[in-house]
Amino acid sequence: MAKKLVIIDTDCGIDDAQAIMMALAAPNIQILGITCVFGNAAVENVCQNVLRVLSVCEHDGIPVFRGSVGPLLGDSNLCNNHFGTDGLGDVIAEQDPQWEEKIQKEHAVNAMIRLVSEHQNQVSLVTLGPLTNLALAVRLDPCFPQKLKDLYIMGGNMEGKGNVTLCAEFNFAMDPESAYIVLEEFLCPTYLASWEYACRNSLTWEFFEEMISQDAPAARFMKMITSKCWAYSKEVMKQKRDVYFGPGFVSYDSYVMAACIDSTVVAQSIECPVRVEVQGAIARGMMALDRTNELKKSHSVCVMTKCDVAKFSQLLLESLRQPYNK
């Protein structure tokens, strides 16, 4: 069976690393390239983090492209240390002095347009960070969205619950204008894993310990980068996420990657138009679901609501058993 062609757009933090590993482990996925964007860390750190993940899993041949350093408008002024200042928990002391030589010279947005144009209606684009690269792509090539097979987005929210502002999820809050553009102008089949979807389908902390304790390089890498990160502390999460959703381990970006790999992981979803709010002191960056057709939009999005956690758990476990020849 032909493999599914995928481009991953990422702001590689710890959960992005997990999602990328999941794609690398999937036998039905061929990654054409990984495009980097600011978000969990500066784009230079993001590039290095992607290279580290590929190296650990022995997939160094996948091309990595540097992309947007900030949002379409203004500065990225949201304080974010969710995964440490470097995006991978601030535990990696050794730096690769040659990392820039391993990054492709072509800009991420140009690479995205080129790769999709070379494989029209065959590429699934999976986004794990702010949507800046995608917004720029549609401005450079207005036909870009219709050349995609489909689009998978981790971001936004369903209930107005925020994780960096009162009402907005991190990826959308970092660049609301780009999120607005993408959800208005990308009319290809679109599948969205919101913050609430991830949190309401959490796994146990006992599963997390089992997952990172496997005897494989990828699992040891994940155990290292989560070792000092407060976002992977059961006690810290009691004061933050658990107030809304109760206790549990959540690997946010992995949920959307799992949906791309195996559509049956999504047990239930809502099909409806959505819009991102770009104004307002409280609601900027919030995604609204239009289930009563108030907006009169022609394009609907598949918003995931319920996950088959057994299938999802298996994909997570398998992702940390790499490389398989060790």
Protein backbone atom coordinates (compact mmCIF):
# COMPACT_ATOMS: atom_id res chain seq x y z
CA MET A 1 0.00 0.00 0.00
CA ALA A 2 1.29 3.48 -0.87
CA LYS A 3 2.47 5.53 2.05
CA LYS A 4 0.72 8.71 3.15
CA LEU A 5 2.82 11.75 2.20
CA VAL A 6 3.17 14.17 5.12
CA ILE A 7 4.75 17.55 5.84
CA ILE A 8 5.08 18.43 9.53
CA ASP A 9 5.07 22.11 10.53
CA THR A 10 6.36 22.39 14.08
CA ASP A 11 7.55 24.67 16.89
CA CYS A 12 9.31 21.64 18.35
CA GLY A 13 8.77 21.43 22.07
CA ILE A 14 8.56 18.21 24.03
CA ASP A 15 5.08 17.21 22.82
CA ASP A 16 6.07 18.07 19.22
CA ALA A 17 9.06 15.76 19.64
CA GLN A 18 6.69 13.01 20.75
CA ALA A 19 4.40 13.64 17.76
CA ILE A 20 7.31 13.62 15.30
CA MET A 21 8.51 10.32 16.80
CA MET A 22 5.00 8.94 16.32
CA ALA A 23 5.11 9.82 12.62
CA LEU A 24 8.61 8.35 12.26
CA ALA A 25 7.41 5.08 13.81
CA ALA A 26 4.29 4.80 11.63
CA PRO A 27 4.83 2.34 8.73
CA ASN A 28 2.17 4.07 6.60
CA ILE A 29 3.74 7.56 6.78
CA GLN A 30 6.41 9.12 4.55
CA ILE A 31 7.63 12.50 5.82
CA LEU A 32 8.56 14.74 2.88
CA GLY A 33 9.98 17.47 5.10
CA ILE A 34 9.73 19.21 8.46
CA THR A 35 9.17 22.97 8.50
CA CYS A 36 10.01 24.97 11.61
CA VAL A 37 8.22 27.95 13.14
CA PHE A 38 8.67 30.02 16.30
CA GLY A 39 6.49 29.08 19.29
CA ASN A 40 7.64 26.82 22.09
CA ALA A 41 11.10 28.30 21.51
CA ALA A 42 12.92 30.61 19.09
CA VAL A 43 13.00 29.15 15.60
CA GLU A 44 16.76 28.49 15.88
CA ASN A 45 16.10 26.25 18.89
CA VAL A 46 13.18 24.63 17.08
CA CYS A 47 15.46 23.67 14.16
CA GLN A 48 18.02 22.16 16.53
CA ASN A 49 15.32 20.27 18.42
CA VAL A 50 13.97 18.69 15.23
CA LEU A 51 17.50 17.63 14.24
CA ARG A 52 17.96 16.03 17.68
CA VAL A 53 14.72 14.05 17.38
CA LEU A 54 15.62 12.82 13.89
CA SER A 55 19.08 11.84 15.09
CA VAL A 56 17.80 9.89 18.10
CA CYS A 57 15.40 7.96 15.84
CA GLU A 58 18.03 7.54 13.09
CA HIS A 59 16.07 9.44 10.43
CA ASP A 60 18.64 12.13 9.66
CA GLY A 61 17.81 12.07 5.94
CA ILE A 62 14.52 13.96 6.32
CA PRO A 63 15.00 17.61 5.19
CA VAL A 64 14.43 20.32 7.83
CA PHE A 65 13.57 23.91 6.87
CA ARG A 66 13.78 27.11 8.94
CA GLY A 67 10.62 29.25 8.83
CA SER A 68 8.91 32.18 10.51
CA VAL A 69 10.61 33.84 13.48
CA GLY A 70 7.50 35.63 14.72
CA PRO A 71 3.80 36.28 14.07
CA LEU A 72 2.33 38.14 11.09
CA LEU A 73 1.62 41.24 13.23
CA GLY A 74 3.56 42.63 16.16
CA ASP A 75 5.90 40.76 18.46
CA SER A 76 5.45 37.43 20.13
CA ASN A 77 5.08 38.86 23.62
CA LEU A 78 3.38 35.94 25.34
CA CYS A 79 5.66 34.62 28.06
CA ASN A 80 6.20 30.92 27.46
CA ASN A 81 8.46 28.54 29.33
CA HIS A 82 6.14 25.55 29.11
CA PHE A 83 8.94 23.27 27.91
CA GLY A 84 11.91 25.32 29.11
CA THR A 85 13.71 28.10 27.28
CA ASP A 86 15.05 25.73 24.59
CA GLY A 87 11.75 23.85 24.11
CA LEU A 88 13.20 20.52 25.28
CA GLY A 89 13.35 20.97 29.02
CA ASP A 90 16.73 22.78 29.32
CA VAL A 91 18.58 19.53 30.01
CA ILE A 92 20.68 19.16 26.84
CA ALA A 93 24.14 20.57 27.55
CA GLU A 94 25.90 19.55 24.35
CA GLN A 95 25.23 21.74 21.32
CA ASP A 96 25.92 20.72 17.73
CA PRO A 97 28.17 23.48 16.32
CA GLN A 98 27.35 22.33 12.79
CA TRP A 99 23.56 22.34 13.17
CA GLU A 100 23.02 25.22 10.72
CA GLU A 101 24.80 23.27 7.99
CA LYS A 102 22.19 20.52 8.40
CA ILE A 103 19.26 22.89 7.83
CA GLN A 104 18.13 23.32 4.22
CA LYS A 105 18.88 26.71 2.65
CA GLU A 106 15.36 27.00 1.23
CA HIS A 107 12.90 28.89 3.46
CA ALA A 108 10.23 26.72 5.09
CA VAL A 109 7.34 28.53 3.37
CA ASN A 110 8.91 28.16 -0.08
CA ALA A 111 9.69 24.50 0.63
CA MET A 112 6.11 23.87 1.74
CA ILE A 113 4.73 25.39 -1.48
CA ARG A 114 7.23 23.49 -3.64
CA LEU A 115 6.69 20.08 -2.04
CA VAL A 116 2.92 20.37 -2.18
CA SER A 117 3.04 21.56 -5.81
CA GLU A 118 5.23 18.56 -6.70
CA HIS A 119 2.68 16.19 -5.11
CA GLN A 120 -0.65 17.90 -5.75
CA ASN A 121 -3.61 16.53 -3.78
CA GLN A 122 -1.38 13.92 -2.18
CA VAL A 123 0.12 15.72 0.84
CA SER A 124 -1.30 15.81 4.36
CA LEU A 125 -0.01 18.89 6.19
CA VAL A 126 0.19 18.43 9.97
CA THR A 127 0.64 21.59 12.04
CA LEU A 128 1.89 21.47 15.62
CA GLY A 129 2.61 25.17 16.29
CA PRO A 130 1.49 28.69 15.38
CA LEU A 131 0.12 28.81 11.83
CA THR A 132 2.37 31.61 10.52
CA ASN A 133 4.10 29.53 7.84
CA LEU A 134 0.73 28.44 6.43
CA ALA A 135 -0.66 31.98 6.35
CA LEU A 136 2.43 33.14 4.46
CA ALA A 137 2.13 30.18 2.07
CA VAL A 138 -1.41 31.11 1.04
CA ARG A 139 -0.33 34.73 0.54
CA LEU A 140 2.54 33.67 -1.72
CA ASP A 141 0.44 31.05 -3.53
CA PRO A 142 -3.35 31.55 -3.23
CA CYS A 143 -3.84 28.08 -4.77
CA PHE A 144 -1.73 26.39 -2.07
CA PRO A 145 -4.69 25.13 0.05
CA GLN A 146 -6.45 23.48 -2.88
CA LYS A 147 -3.26 21.57 -3.74
CA LEU A 148 -3.30 19.87 -0.32
CA LYS A 149 -4.93 16.51 0.26
CA ASP A 150 -5.92 17.59 3.76
CA LEU A 151 -4.84 19.65 6.77
CA TYR A 152 -4.44 18.55 10.40
CA ILE A 153 -4.20 21.28 13.05
CA MET A 154 -3.34 21.05 16.73
CA GLY A 155 -4.64 24.29 18.17
CA GLY A 156 -7.61 26.38 19.14
CA ASN A 157 -10.31 25.62 21.64
CA MET A 158 -13.98 24.64 21.75
CA GLU A 159 -15.21 26.04 25.05
CA GLY A 160 -13.39 29.34 25.49
CA LYS A 161 -10.96 27.81 27.98
CA GLY A 162 -7.41 29.09 27.53
CA ASN A 163 -4.00 27.85 28.57
CA VAL A 164 -1.94 31.03 28.02
CA THR A 165 -4.68 33.64 28.12
CA LEU A 166 -8.11 33.41 29.70
CA CYS A 167 -9.84 32.35 26.48
CA ALA A 168 -7.16 31.25 23.97
CA GLU A 169 -5.02 28.19 23.35
CA PHE A 170 -1.26 28.72 22.93
CA ASN A 171 -0.76 28.04 19.19
CA PHE A 172 -3.62 30.33 18.15
CA ALA A 173 -2.79 32.97 20.78
CA MET A 174 0.78 33.24 19.47
CA ASP A 175 -0.49 34.37 16.05
CA PRO A 176 -4.26 34.95 15.93
CA GLU A 177 -4.14 36.58 12.49
CA SER A 178 -2.50 33.52 10.95
CA ALA A 179 -4.98 31.18 12.63
CA TYR A 180 -7.81 33.36 11.28
CA ILE A 181 -6.40 33.32 7.73
CA VAL A 182 -5.87 29.56 7.70
CA LEU A 183 -9.34 28.71 8.99
CA GLU A 184 -10.97 31.16 6.57
CA GLU A 185 -8.97 30.43 3.42
CA PHE A 186 -7.84 26.79 3.61
CA LEU A 187 -10.91 25.11 2.13
CA CYS A 188 -9.31 21.65 1.91
CA PRO A 189 -10.56 18.92 4.30
CA THR A 190 -9.44 20.16 7.73
CA TYR A 191 -9.20 18.20 10.98
CA LEU A 192 -8.64 20.03 14.24
CA ALA A 193 -7.49 18.74 17.63
CA SER A 194 -8.24 21.46 20.16
CA TRP A 195 -6.76 21.99 23.60
CA GLU A 196 -9.91 20.65 25.24
CA TYR A 197 -9.90 17.55 23.02
CA ALA A 198 -6.40 16.68 24.20
CA CYS A 199 -7.15 17.42 27.86
CA ARG A 200 -10.48 15.56 27.93
CA ASN A 201 -8.81 12.45 26.49
CA SER A 202 -5.83 12.41 28.85
CA LEU A 203 -3.91 9.32 29.93
CA THR A 204 -2.74 8.32 33.39
CA TRP A 205 0.57 9.38 34.88
CA GLU A 206 1.24 5.67 35.44
CA PHE A 207 1.04 5.19 31.67
CA PHE A 208 3.46 8.07 31.17
CA GLU A 209 5.99 6.36 33.49
CA GLU A 210 5.55 3.07 31.64
CA MET A 211 6.01 4.80 28.28
CA ILE A 212 9.28 6.61 29.10
CA SER A 213 10.71 3.60 30.98
CA GLN A 214 10.92 1.41 27.86
CA ASP A 215 14.38 0.16 26.90
CA ALA A 216 14.99 2.11 23.70
CA PRO A 217 16.91 5.27 22.70
CA ALA A 218 13.74 7.28 21.98
CA ALA A 219 12.24 6.44 25.38
CA ARG A 220 15.47 7.36 27.16
CA PHE A 221 15.54 10.66 25.25
CA MET A 222 11.94 11.42 26.26
CA LYS A 223 12.68 10.51 29.88
CA MET A 224 15.63 12.93 29.86
CA ILE A 225 13.83 15.92 28.32
CA THR A 226 10.80 15.56 30.62
CA SER A 227 12.88 15.00 33.78
CA LYS A 228 13.03 18.64 34.94
CA CYS A 229 10.09 20.12 33.03
CA TRP A 230 7.24 21.45 35.20
CA ALA A 231 4.74 20.69 32.43
CA TYR A 232 5.40 17.00 33.08
CA SER A 233 4.98 17.32 36.85
CA LYS A 234 1.82 15.76 38.24
CA GLU A 235 1.92 18.16 41.20
CA VAL A 236 2.28 21.35 39.13
CA MET A 237 -0.50 20.31 36.78
CA LYS A 238 -2.92 20.06 39.71
CA GLN A 239 -2.83 23.86 39.98
CA LYS A 240 -2.96 24.49 36.22
CA ARG A 241 -4.71 22.12 33.80
CA ASP A 242 -6.38 19.87 36.38
CA VAL A 243 -8.61 22.74 37.56
CA TYR A 244 -10.50 22.42 34.27
CA PHE A 245 -10.14 18.79 33.33
CA GLY A 246 -9.02 16.68 36.28
CA PRO A 247 -5.73 14.77 36.59
CA GLY A 248 -3.91 13.15 33.68
CA PHE A 249 -0.92 13.12 31.34
CA VAL A 250 -1.44 14.99 28.05
CA SER A 251 0.88 14.95 25.01
CA TYR A 252 -0.98 17.67 23.10
CA ASP A 253 0.53 17.49 19.62
CA SER A 254 0.47 13.71 19.58
CA TYR A 255 -3.34 13.72 19.35
CA VAL A 256 -3.43 15.37 15.94
CA MET A 257 -0.56 13.24 14.63
CA ALA A 258 -2.39 10.11 15.75
CA ALA A 259 -5.47 11.24 13.81
CA CYS A 260 -3.37 11.66 10.66
CA ILE A 261 -1.77 8.23 11.07
CA ASP A 262 -5.00 6.36 11.87
CA SER A 263 -8.37 8.10 11.43
CA THR A 264 -10.07 5.51 13.66
CA VAL A 265 -8.23 7.01 16.66
CA VAL A 266 -10.87 9.78 16.49
CA ALA A 267 -13.99 8.16 17.95
CA GLN A 268 -16.24 11.23 17.69
CA SER A 269 -16.09 14.66 16.08
CA ILE A 270 -18.17 17.74 15.28
CA GLU A 271 -18.47 19.03 11.72
CA CYS A 272 -19.09 22.77 11.70
CA PRO A 273 -17.72 26.15 10.59
CA VAL A 274 -15.27 27.89 12.91
CA ARG A 275 -13.83 31.37 13.24
CA VAL A 276 -10.89 32.78 15.19
CA GLU A 277 -11.41 36.01 17.13
CA VAL A 278 -8.67 38.56 16.41
CA GLN A 279 -9.94 41.43 18.56
CA GLY A 280 -10.83 41.92 22.19
CA ALA A 281 -8.83 42.13 25.39
CA ILE A 282 -10.04 38.74 26.65
CA ALA A 283 -11.07 36.69 23.61
CA ARG A 284 -8.25 37.43 21.11
CA GLY A 285 -7.07 34.13 19.62
CA MET A 286 -10.13 32.18 20.78
CA MET A 287 -11.79 29.83 18.30
CA ALA A 288 -15.58 29.88 18.07
CA LEU A 289 -17.61 26.92 16.80
CA ASP A 290 -20.61 27.92 14.70
CA ARG A 291 -22.99 25.01 15.20
CA THR A 292 -26.08 27.05 14.31
CA ASN A 293 -24.78 28.54 11.02
CA GLU A 294 -24.75 32.13 12.24
CA LEU A 295 -21.70 32.96 10.12
CA LYS A 296 -23.17 31.54 6.88
CA LYS A 297 -19.81 30.03 5.95
CA SER A 298 -19.53 27.42 3.18
CA HIS A 299 -16.58 25.58 4.72
CA SER A 300 -16.78 23.32 7.75
CA VAL A 301 -14.00 21.85 9.85
CA CYS A 302 -13.88 18.45 11.58
CA VAL A 303 -13.36 19.26 15.26
CA MET A 304 -12.31 16.17 17.20
CA THR A 305 -14.17 15.49 20.46
CA LYS A 306 -13.58 11.88 21.57
CA CYS A 307 -10.44 9.75 21.23
CA ASP A 308 -9.97 5.99 21.21
CA VAL A 309 -7.42 6.16 24.01
CA ALA A 310 -6.45 2.48 23.67
CA LYS A 311 -5.32 2.99 20.06
CA PHE A 312 -3.73 6.31 20.94
CA SER A 313 -1.79 4.74 23.83
CA GLN A 314 -0.43 2.05 21.54
CA LEU A 315 0.85 4.65 19.05
CA LEU A 316 2.58 6.50 21.90
CA LEU A 317 4.24 3.34 23.21
CA GLU A 318 5.39 2.33 19.74
CA SER A 319 6.82 5.80 19.03
CA LEU A 320 9.34 5.47 21.87
CA ARG A 321 10.65 2.05 20.82
CA GLN A 322 12.93 3.57 18.15
CA PRO A 323 15.28 2.92 16.51
CA TYR A 324 14.07 -0.64 16.05
CA ASN A 325 17.44 -2.11 15.09
CA LYS A 326 18.95 -1.37 18.50
